[in-house]
Amino acid sequence: MSILSLALTGWLLAGPGYDPPGRPFIEIANPSSIWKFARTQGPKEGESFASISKTAETMQSDPEFAGLIVRCAPKGKIDVLVALIRPFPPRSHPRVTISSTGGGAQTFEASMAAAGAAVLLPDEISAFAAGKWQTTPSLSVVVKESDSEIKGVVALNGLREAYNSLQASCGQ
């Protein structure tokens, strides 16, 4: 699953026009952090996208849950996405519940990205990735769409270092 989710990450960065050139993923911080940094060429000349991703804790997650992606977005924004193995319909708006250790649970309406293979969380979630999540051990995520539910857990160790590296790369 991790190879598939990492390949998916590269595709999610640039969208449908992405042609995977086989760029390597670079591990951020120490080896136990397992956050992967990727930079991919965008569809326009000179355009590139950067992201960090972390695969799911496989023993605590459904097989359809790939992990978490934090990526640079236009105009200095940061997007947070949940990567899935089994896509939802591209125009769906799943309900996503995120629970953190000691932080309670919050539910959001999300939208789909990358032909339904990723759930784009609302803009307010990027503030959590920039702050509170950096000291949280893990997140539990539940994605519900119609009669379907996909659950997963992502460990957040190393997020602070990975997020800082991503932020430094966003304008480049």
C-alpha atoms as a PDB file:
ATOM      1  CA  MET A   1       0.000   0.000   0.000  1.00  0.00           C
ATOM      2  CA  SER A   2       2.767   2.506   0.716  1.00  0.00           C
ATOM      3  CA  ILE A   3       4.163   2.373  -2.828  1.00  0.00           C
ATOM      4  CA  LEU A   4       0.701   2.995  -4.238  1.00  0.00           C
ATOM      5  CA  SER A   5       0.008   5.846  -1.857  1.00  0.00           C
ATOM      6  CA  LEU A   6       3.366   7.480  -2.604  1.00  0.00           C
ATOM      7  CA  ALA A   7       2.755   7.227  -6.349  1.00  0.00           C
ATOM      8  CA  LEU A   8      -0.704   8.652  -5.749  1.00  0.00           C
ATOM      9  CA  THR A   9       0.849  11.573  -3.874  1.00  0.00           C
ATOM     10  CA  GLY A  10       2.843  12.638  -6.920  1.00  0.00           C
ATOM     11  CA  TRP A  11      -0.242  12.490  -9.092  1.00  0.00           C
ATOM     12  CA  LEU A  12      -2.302  14.465  -6.575  1.00  0.00           C
ATOM     13  CA  LEU A  13       0.159  17.327  -6.549  1.00  0.00           C
ATOM     14  CA  ALA A  14      -0.181  18.307 -10.168  1.00  0.00           C
ATOM     15  CA  GLY A  15      -3.581  16.866 -11.023  1.00  0.00           C
ATOM     16  CA  PRO A  16      -4.891  15.068 -14.084  1.00  0.00           C
ATOM     17  CA  GLY A  17      -2.214  16.364 -16.495  1.00  0.00           C
ATOM     18  CA  TYR A  18       0.600  14.929 -14.385  1.00  0.00           C
ATOM     19  CA  ASP A  19       3.028  12.672 -16.203  1.00  0.00           C
ATOM     20  CA  PRO A  20       5.089  10.850 -13.523  1.00  0.00           C
ATOM     21  CA  PRO A  21       8.738  11.353 -14.448  1.00  0.00           C
ATOM     22  CA  GLY A  22      10.023   9.042 -11.717  1.00  0.00           C
ATOM     23  CA  ARG A  23      11.248  11.751  -9.379  1.00  0.00           C
ATOM     24  CA  PRO A  24      12.474  10.368  -6.069  1.00  0.00           C
ATOM     25  CA  PHE A  25      10.725  11.009  -2.804  1.00  0.00           C
ATOM     26  CA  ILE A  26      12.966  12.447  -0.121  1.00  0.00           C
ATOM     27  CA  GLU A  27      12.584  11.541   3.522  1.00  0.00           C
ATOM     28  CA  ILE A  28      12.293  14.571   5.799  1.00  0.00           C
ATOM     29  CA  ALA A  29      13.974  14.841   9.217  1.00  0.00           C
ATOM     30  CA  ASN A  30      14.985  11.609  10.909  1.00  0.00           C
ATOM     31  CA  PRO A  31      14.263   8.121   9.536  1.00  0.00           C
ATOM     32  CA  SER A  32      11.485   7.470  12.054  1.00  0.00           C
ATOM     33  CA  SER A  33       9.447  10.457  10.845  1.00  0.00           C
ATOM     34  CA  ILE A  34       8.515   8.814   7.519  1.00  0.00           C
ATOM     35  CA  TRP A  35       7.092  12.048   6.071  1.00  0.00           C
ATOM     36  CA  LYS A  36       7.873  12.107   2.359  1.00  0.00           C
ATOM     37  CA  PHE A  37       8.611  15.302   0.448  1.00  0.00           C
ATOM     38  CA  ALA A  38       7.796  15.432  -3.257  1.00  0.00           C
ATOM     39  CA  ARG A  39       8.120  18.122  -5.905  1.00  0.00           C
ATOM     40  CA  THR A  40       6.438  17.518  -9.218  1.00  0.00           C
ATOM     41  CA  GLN A  41       6.259  19.420 -12.482  1.00  0.00           C
ATOM     42  CA  GLY A  42       2.910  21.121 -13.055  1.00  0.00           C
ATOM     43  CA  PRO A  43       1.011  21.164 -16.335  1.00  0.00           C
ATOM     44  CA  LYS A  44       2.362  24.661 -17.229  1.00  0.00           C
ATOM     45  CA  GLU A  45       5.973  25.448 -18.126  1.00  0.00           C
ATOM     46  CA  GLY A  46       8.000  26.310 -15.024  1.00  0.00           C
ATOM     47  CA  GLU A  47       5.188  25.341 -12.650  1.00  0.00           C
ATOM     48  CA  SER A  48       5.929  22.895  -9.854  1.00  0.00           C
ATOM     49  CA  PHE A  49       4.147  21.667  -6.767  1.00  0.00           C
ATOM     50  CA  ALA A  50       5.507  20.524  -3.420  1.00  0.00           C
ATOM     51  CA  SER A  51       3.918  18.283  -0.809  1.00  0.00           C
ATOM     52  CA  ILE A  52       4.595  16.170   2.226  1.00  0.00           C
ATOM     53  CA  SER A  53       2.765  12.913   2.815  1.00  0.00           C
ATOM     54  CA  LYS A  54       2.517  10.232   5.452  1.00  0.00           C
ATOM     55  CA  THR A  55       1.083   6.784   4.875  1.00  0.00           C
ATOM     56  CA  ALA A  56      -1.544   5.299   7.151  1.00  0.00           C
ATOM     57  CA  GLU A  57      -0.873   3.075  10.129  1.00  0.00           C
ATOM     58  CA  THR A  58      -1.857  -0.101   8.270  1.00  0.00           C
ATOM     59  CA  MET A  59      -2.787  -2.175  11.329  1.00  0.00           C
ATOM     60  CA  GLN A  60      -5.244   0.510  12.465  1.00  0.00           C
ATOM     61  CA  SER A  61      -6.658   1.560   9.074  1.00  0.00           C
ATOM     62  CA  ASP A  62      -8.995   0.232   6.426  1.00  0.00           C
ATOM     63  CA  PRO A  63      -7.225  -1.050   3.289  1.00  0.00           C
ATOM     64  CA  GLU A  64      -8.830   1.788   1.268  1.00  0.00           C
ATOM     65  CA  PHE A  65      -7.188   4.477   3.425  1.00  0.00           C
ATOM     66  CA  ALA A  66      -3.769   5.556   2.071  1.00  0.00           C
ATOM     67  CA  GLY A  67      -2.732   8.461   4.303  1.00  0.00           C
ATOM     68  CA  LEU A  68      -2.457  12.222   4.682  1.00  0.00           C
ATOM     69  CA  ILE A  69      -1.076  14.815   2.254  1.00  0.00           C
ATOM     70  CA  VAL A  70      -0.182  18.430   2.985  1.00  0.00           C
ATOM     71  CA  ARG A  71       0.587  20.409  -0.179  1.00  0.00           C
ATOM     72  CA  CYS A  72       1.332  23.906  -1.377  1.00  0.00           C
ATOM     73  CA  ALA A  73      -1.644  25.568  -3.012  1.00  0.00           C
ATOM     74  CA  PRO A  74      -1.947  28.751  -5.096  1.00  0.00           C
ATOM     75  CA  LYS A  75      -1.683  32.160  -3.422  1.00  0.00           C
ATOM     76  CA  GLY A  76       0.360  30.915  -0.471  1.00  0.00           C
ATOM     77  CA  LYS A  77      -2.295  28.537   0.836  1.00  0.00           C
ATOM     78  CA  ILE A  78      -1.618  25.096   2.243  1.00  0.00           C
ATOM     79  CA  ASP A  79      -4.074  22.277   1.433  1.00  0.00           C
ATOM     80  CA  VAL A  80      -4.634  19.178   3.561  1.00  0.00           C
ATOM     81  CA  LEU A  81      -5.941  16.054   1.829  1.00  0.00           C
ATOM     82  CA  VAL A  82      -6.841  12.528   2.829  1.00  0.00           C
ATOM     83  CA  ALA A  83      -5.517  10.067   0.228  1.00  0.00           C
ATOM     84  CA  LEU A  84      -7.718   7.085  -0.601  1.00  0.00           C
ATOM     85  CA  ILE A  85      -7.080   3.896  -2.513  1.00  0.00           C
ATOM     86  CA  ARG A  86     -10.722   3.471  -3.579  1.00  0.00           C
ATOM     87  CA  PRO A  87     -12.010   6.737  -5.057  1.00  0.00           C
ATOM     88  CA  PHE A  88     -15.360   8.351  -4.377  1.00  0.00           C
ATOM     89  CA  PRO A  89     -17.361  10.061  -7.138  1.00  0.00           C
ATOM     90  CA  PRO A  90     -15.491  13.252  -8.154  1.00  0.00           C
ATOM     91  CA  ARG A  91     -18.422  15.566  -7.361  1.00  0.00           C
ATOM     92  CA  SER A  92     -19.223  14.097  -3.962  1.00  0.00           C
ATOM     93  CA  HIS A  93     -18.889  16.001  -0.688  1.00  0.00           C
ATOM     94  CA  PRO A  94     -17.986  13.454   1.985  1.00  0.00           C
ATOM     95  CA  ARG A  95     -18.234  14.145   5.709  1.00  0.00           C
ATOM     96  CA  VAL A  96     -14.824  13.825   7.348  1.00  0.00           C
ATOM     97  CA  THR A  97     -14.422  13.360  11.088  1.00  0.00           C
ATOM     98  CA  ILE A  98     -10.963  13.963  12.509  1.00  0.00           C
ATOM     99  CA  SER A  99     -10.086  12.925  16.052  1.00  0.00           C
ATOM    100  CA  SER A 100      -6.782  13.692  17.697  1.00  0.00           C
ATOM    101  CA  THR A 101      -5.348  12.329  20.901  1.00  0.00           C
ATOM    102  CA  GLY A 102      -6.771  14.480  23.689  1.00  0.00           C
ATOM    103  CA  GLY A 103      -8.243  16.962  21.196  1.00  0.00           C
ATOM    104  CA  GLY A 104     -11.773  15.677  20.654  1.00  0.00           C
ATOM    105  CA  ALA A 105     -13.433  15.108  17.291  1.00  0.00           C
ATOM    106  CA  GLN A 106     -14.477  17.568  14.600  1.00  0.00           C
ATOM    107  CA  THR A 107     -16.562  16.878  11.499  1.00  0.00           C
ATOM    108  CA  PHE A 108     -16.236  18.796   8.230  1.00  0.00           C
ATOM    109  CA  GLU A 109     -17.797  18.700   4.794  1.00  0.00           C
ATOM    110  CA  ALA A 110     -15.042  18.155   2.247  1.00  0.00           C
ATOM    111  CA  SER A 111     -14.718  18.037  -1.529  1.00  0.00           C
ATOM    112  CA  MET A 112     -12.966  15.661  -3.869  1.00  0.00           C
ATOM    113  CA  ALA A 113      -9.680  16.184  -5.685  1.00  0.00           C
ATOM    114  CA  ALA A 114      -7.716  14.098  -8.183  1.00  0.00           C
ATOM    115  CA  ALA A 115     -10.668  12.300  -9.757  1.00  0.00           C
ATOM    116  CA  GLY A 116     -12.018  11.211  -6.389  1.00  0.00           C
ATOM    117  CA  ALA A 117      -8.805   9.634  -5.083  1.00  0.00           C
ATOM    118  CA  ALA A 118      -8.249  12.347  -2.489  1.00  0.00           C
ATOM    119  CA  VAL A 119     -10.515  14.244  -0.135  1.00  0.00           C
ATOM    120  CA  LEU A 120      -9.691  17.955   0.005  1.00  0.00           C
ATOM    121  CA  LEU A 121     -10.363  19.216   3.514  1.00  0.00           C
ATOM    122  CA  PRO A 122     -11.669  22.759   4.131  1.00  0.00           C
ATOM    123  CA  ASP A 123      -9.192  25.654   4.367  1.00  0.00           C
ATOM    124  CA  GLU A 124      -9.508  25.901   8.163  1.00  0.00           C
ATOM    125  CA  ILE A 125      -7.797  22.503   8.512  1.00  0.00           C
ATOM    126  CA  SER A 126      -4.489  23.927   7.281  1.00  0.00           C
ATOM    127  CA  ALA A 127      -4.250  25.901  10.550  1.00  0.00           C
ATOM    128  CA  PHE A 128      -4.269  22.582  12.454  1.00  0.00           C
ATOM    129  CA  ALA A 129      -1.402  21.237  10.316  1.00  0.00           C
ATOM    130  CA  ALA A 130       0.525  24.463  10.956  1.00  0.00           C
ATOM    131  CA  GLY A 131      -0.051  24.333  14.705  1.00  0.00           C
ATOM    132  CA  LYS A 132      -1.942  21.914  16.936  1.00  0.00           C
ATOM    133  CA  TRP A 133      -1.209  18.742  14.938  1.00  0.00           C
ATOM    134  CA  GLN A 134       2.545  19.317  15.253  1.00  0.00           C
ATOM    135  CA  THR A 135       2.370  18.241  18.908  1.00  0.00           C
ATOM    136  CA  THR A 136      -0.303  15.561  18.451  1.00  0.00           C
ATOM    137  CA  PRO A 137       0.837  11.914  18.303  1.00  0.00           C
ATOM    138  CA  SER A 138      -1.763  10.747  15.758  1.00  0.00           C
ATOM    139  CA  LEU A 139      -5.031  11.461  13.968  1.00  0.00           C
ATOM    140  CA  SER A 140      -7.990   9.172  13.465  1.00  0.00           C
ATOM    141  CA  VAL A 141      -9.898   9.951  10.284  1.00  0.00           C
ATOM    142  CA  VAL A 142     -13.326   8.740   9.144  1.00  0.00           C
ATOM    143  CA  VAL A 143     -14.508   9.589   5.627  1.00  0.00           C
ATOM    144  CA  LYS A 144     -18.227   8.998   4.969  1.00  0.00           C
ATOM    145  CA  GLU A 145     -19.903   9.244   1.582  1.00  0.00           C
ATOM    146  CA  SER A 146     -23.403   7.837   1.060  1.00  0.00           C
ATOM    147  CA  ASP A 147     -23.307   4.274   2.399  1.00  0.00           C
ATOM    148  CA  SER A 148     -19.520   4.056   2.328  1.00  0.00           C
ATOM    149  CA  GLU A 149     -17.143   4.694   5.221  1.00  0.00           C
ATOM    150  CA  ILE A 150     -13.340   4.573   5.189  1.00  0.00           C
ATOM    151  CA  LYS A 151     -11.364   4.810   8.443  1.00  0.00           C
ATOM    152  CA  GLY A 152      -7.702   5.382   9.056  1.00  0.00           C
ATOM    153  CA  VAL A 153      -5.014   6.455  11.508  1.00  0.00           C
ATOM    154  CA  VAL A 154      -1.970   8.569  10.675  1.00  0.00           C
ATOM    155  CA  ALA A 155       0.928   9.054  13.097  1.00  0.00           C
ATOM    156  CA  LEU A 156       2.053  12.682  13.120  1.00  0.00           C
ATOM    157  CA  ASN A 157       5.582  12.319  14.498  1.00  0.00           C
ATOM    158  CA  GLY A 158       7.976  14.519  12.540  1.00  0.00           C
ATOM    159  CA  LEU A 159       5.233  16.805  11.200  1.00  0.00           C
ATOM    160  CA  ARG A 160       6.825  20.002  12.529  1.00  0.00           C
ATOM    161  CA  GLU A 161      10.078  19.484  10.601  1.00  0.00           C
ATOM    162  CA  ALA A 162       8.298  18.256   7.476  1.00  0.00           C
ATOM    163  CA  TYR A 163       5.825  21.165   7.530  1.00  0.00           C
ATOM    164  CA  ASN A 164       8.651  23.708   7.907  1.00  0.00           C
ATOM    165  CA  SER A 165      10.459  22.156   4.916  1.00  0.00           C
ATOM    166  CA  LEU A 166       7.261  22.257   2.887  1.00  0.00           C
ATOM    167  CA  GLN A 167       6.578  25.894   3.755  1.00  0.00           C
ATOM    168  CA  ALA A 168      10.116  26.845   2.707  1.00  0.00           C
ATOM    169  CA  SER A 169       9.522  25.112  -0.652  1.00  0.00           C
ATOM    170  CA  CYS A 170       6.079  26.512  -1.441  1.00  0.00           C
ATOM    171  CA  GLY A 171       7.105  29.663  -3.292  1.00  0.00           C
ATOM    172  CA  GLN A 172       9.873  28.030  -5.322  1.00  0.00           C
END
